Amino acid sequence: MNTIAKILYIPAVLLLGIISGFIAWLLHINVIAFAVLVAGTINLIAGFTLSYYFLKKEKLNNSPSDSFKKEVSYRS
């Protein structure tokens, strides 16, 4: 996980949790349960998105053609 994602991830989850808590308070829903539910959902979505992004980025960086080029350059 890169530094920018680490810096932005926690405040974003907290901010969305606070917003969802305020909406729950306005709608007279159990605030804590609603905030935890929304923050958990956001965590899941962000986790899957970040993991997909970094796996895709890693696959692009470690493509077979690159490793083949490196191997050929080492041999010559």
C-alpha atoms as a PDB file:
ATOM      1  CA  MET A   1       0.000   0.000   0.000  1.00  0.00           C
ATOM      2  CA  ASN A   2       1.514   3.308  -0.980  1.00  0.00           C
ATOM      3  CA  THR A   3       1.910   6.258   1.377  1.00  0.00           C
ATOM      4  CA  ILE A   4      -0.855   8.434  -0.085  1.00  0.00           C
ATOM      5  CA  ALA A   5      -3.412   5.646   0.290  1.00  0.00           C
ATOM      6  CA  LYS A   6      -2.348   5.092   3.912  1.00  0.00           C
ATOM      7  CA  ILE A   7      -2.628   8.813   4.689  1.00  0.00           C
ATOM      8  CA  LEU A   8      -6.042   9.278   3.055  1.00  0.00           C
ATOM      9  CA  TYR A   9      -7.667   5.966   4.011  1.00  0.00           C
ATOM     10  CA  ILE A  10      -8.260   6.461   7.754  1.00  0.00           C
ATOM     11  CA  PRO A  11      -9.590  10.069   7.595  1.00  0.00           C
ATOM     12  CA  ALA A  12     -11.897   9.105   4.724  1.00  0.00           C
ATOM     13  CA  VAL A  13     -13.383   6.193   6.686  1.00  0.00           C
ATOM     14  CA  LEU A  14     -13.745   8.330   9.824  1.00  0.00           C
ATOM     15  CA  LEU A  15     -15.366  11.191   7.906  1.00  0.00           C
ATOM     16  CA  LEU A  16     -17.861   8.883   6.220  1.00  0.00           C
ATOM     17  CA  GLY A  17     -18.588   7.248   9.579  1.00  0.00           C
ATOM     18  CA  ILE A  18     -19.311  10.680  11.107  1.00  0.00           C
ATOM     19  CA  ILE A  19     -21.550  11.657   8.177  1.00  0.00           C
ATOM     20  CA  SER A  20     -23.462   8.379   8.389  1.00  0.00           C
ATOM     21  CA  GLY A  21     -23.834   8.858  12.152  1.00  0.00           C
ATOM     22  CA  PHE A  22     -25.286  12.331  11.603  1.00  0.00           C
ATOM     23  CA  ILE A  23     -27.750  10.994   9.008  1.00  0.00           C
ATOM     24  CA  ALA A  24     -28.751   8.226  11.428  1.00  0.00           C
ATOM     25  CA  TRP A  25     -29.267  10.833  14.179  1.00  0.00           C
ATOM     26  CA  LEU A  26     -31.497  12.872  11.864  1.00  0.00           C
ATOM     27  CA  LEU A  27     -33.520   9.775  10.987  1.00  0.00           C
ATOM     28  CA  HIS A  28     -33.636   8.638  14.665  1.00  0.00           C
ATOM     29  CA  ILE A  29     -31.944   5.323  13.879  1.00  0.00           C
ATOM     30  CA  ASN A  30     -29.567   3.672  16.333  1.00  0.00           C
ATOM     31  CA  VAL A  31     -26.571   5.909  15.578  1.00  0.00           C
ATOM     32  CA  ILE A  32     -23.754   3.587  16.615  1.00  0.00           C
ATOM     33  CA  ALA A  33     -25.107   0.567  14.725  1.00  0.00           C
ATOM     34  CA  PHE A  34     -25.687   2.606  11.577  1.00  0.00           C
ATOM     35  CA  ALA A  35     -22.255   4.259  11.715  1.00  0.00           C
ATOM     36  CA  VAL A  36     -20.507   0.918  12.250  1.00  0.00           C
ATOM     37  CA  LEU A  37     -22.478  -0.642   9.403  1.00  0.00           C
ATOM     38  CA  VAL A  38     -21.602   2.146   6.970  1.00  0.00           C
ATOM     39  CA  ALA A  39     -17.939   2.352   8.057  1.00  0.00           C
ATOM     40  CA  GLY A  40     -17.620  -1.430   7.736  1.00  0.00           C
ATOM     41  CA  THR A  41     -19.137  -1.357   4.262  1.00  0.00           C
ATOM     42  CA  ILE A  42     -16.763   1.431   3.240  1.00  0.00           C
ATOM     43  CA  ASN A  43     -13.835  -0.550   4.674  1.00  0.00           C
ATOM     44  CA  LEU A  44     -14.799  -3.580   2.604  1.00  0.00           C
ATOM     45  CA  ILE A  45     -15.214  -1.576  -0.603  1.00  0.00           C
ATOM     46  CA  ALA A  46     -11.987   0.378  -0.067  1.00  0.00           C
ATOM     47  CA  GLY A  47     -10.072  -2.775   0.862  1.00  0.00           C
ATOM     48  CA  PHE A  48     -11.189  -4.658  -2.229  1.00  0.00           C
ATOM     49  CA  THR A  49     -10.571  -1.618  -4.452  1.00  0.00           C
ATOM     50  CA  LEU A  50      -7.082  -0.982  -3.084  1.00  0.00           C
ATOM     51  CA  SER A  51      -6.092  -4.650  -3.204  1.00  0.00           C
ATOM     52  CA  TYR A  52      -7.382  -4.939  -6.791  1.00  0.00           C
ATOM     53  CA  TYR A  53      -5.527  -1.763  -7.782  1.00  0.00           C
ATOM     54  CA  PHE A  54      -2.227  -2.851  -6.247  1.00  0.00           C
ATOM     55  CA  LEU A  55      -2.482  -6.412  -7.595  1.00  0.00           C
ATOM     56  CA  LYS A  56      -3.167  -5.027 -11.062  1.00  0.00           C
ATOM     57  CA  LYS A  57      -0.247  -2.588 -10.716  1.00  0.00           C
ATOM     58  CA  GLU A  58       2.050  -5.398  -9.542  1.00  0.00           C
ATOM     59  CA  LYS A  59       1.041  -7.607 -12.473  1.00  0.00           C
ATOM     60  CA  LEU A  60       1.831  -4.779 -14.887  1.00  0.00           C
ATOM     61  CA  ASN A  61       5.224  -4.216 -13.271  1.00  0.00           C
ATOM     62  CA  ASN A  62       6.076  -7.933 -13.305  1.00  0.00           C
ATOM     63  CA  SER A  63       4.870  -8.819 -16.768  1.00  0.00           C
ATOM     64  CA  PRO A  64       6.545 -11.837 -18.443  1.00  0.00           C
ATOM     65  CA  SER A  65       8.023  -9.688 -21.195  1.00  0.00           C
ATOM     66  CA  ASP A  66       9.936  -7.591 -18.639  1.00  0.00           C
ATOM     67  CA  SER A  67      11.409 -10.625 -16.905  1.00  0.00           C
ATOM     68  CA  PHE A  68      12.317 -12.108 -20.289  1.00  0.00           C
ATOM     69  CA  LYS A  69      14.032  -8.865 -21.327  1.00  0.00           C
ATOM     70  CA  LYS A  70      15.979  -8.785 -18.063  1.00  0.00           C
ATOM     71  CA  GLU A  71      17.065 -12.399 -18.517  1.00  0.00           C
ATOM     72  CA  VAL A  72      18.180 -11.775 -22.089  1.00  0.00           C
ATOM     73  CA  SER A  73      20.119  -8.656 -21.059  1.00  0.00           C
ATOM     74  CA  TYR A  74      21.876 -10.609 -18.285  1.00  0.00           C
ATOM     75  CA  ARG A  75      22.937 -13.342 -20.710  1.00  0.00           C
ATOM     76  CA  SER A  76      24.383 -10.966 -23.305  1.00  0.00           C
END
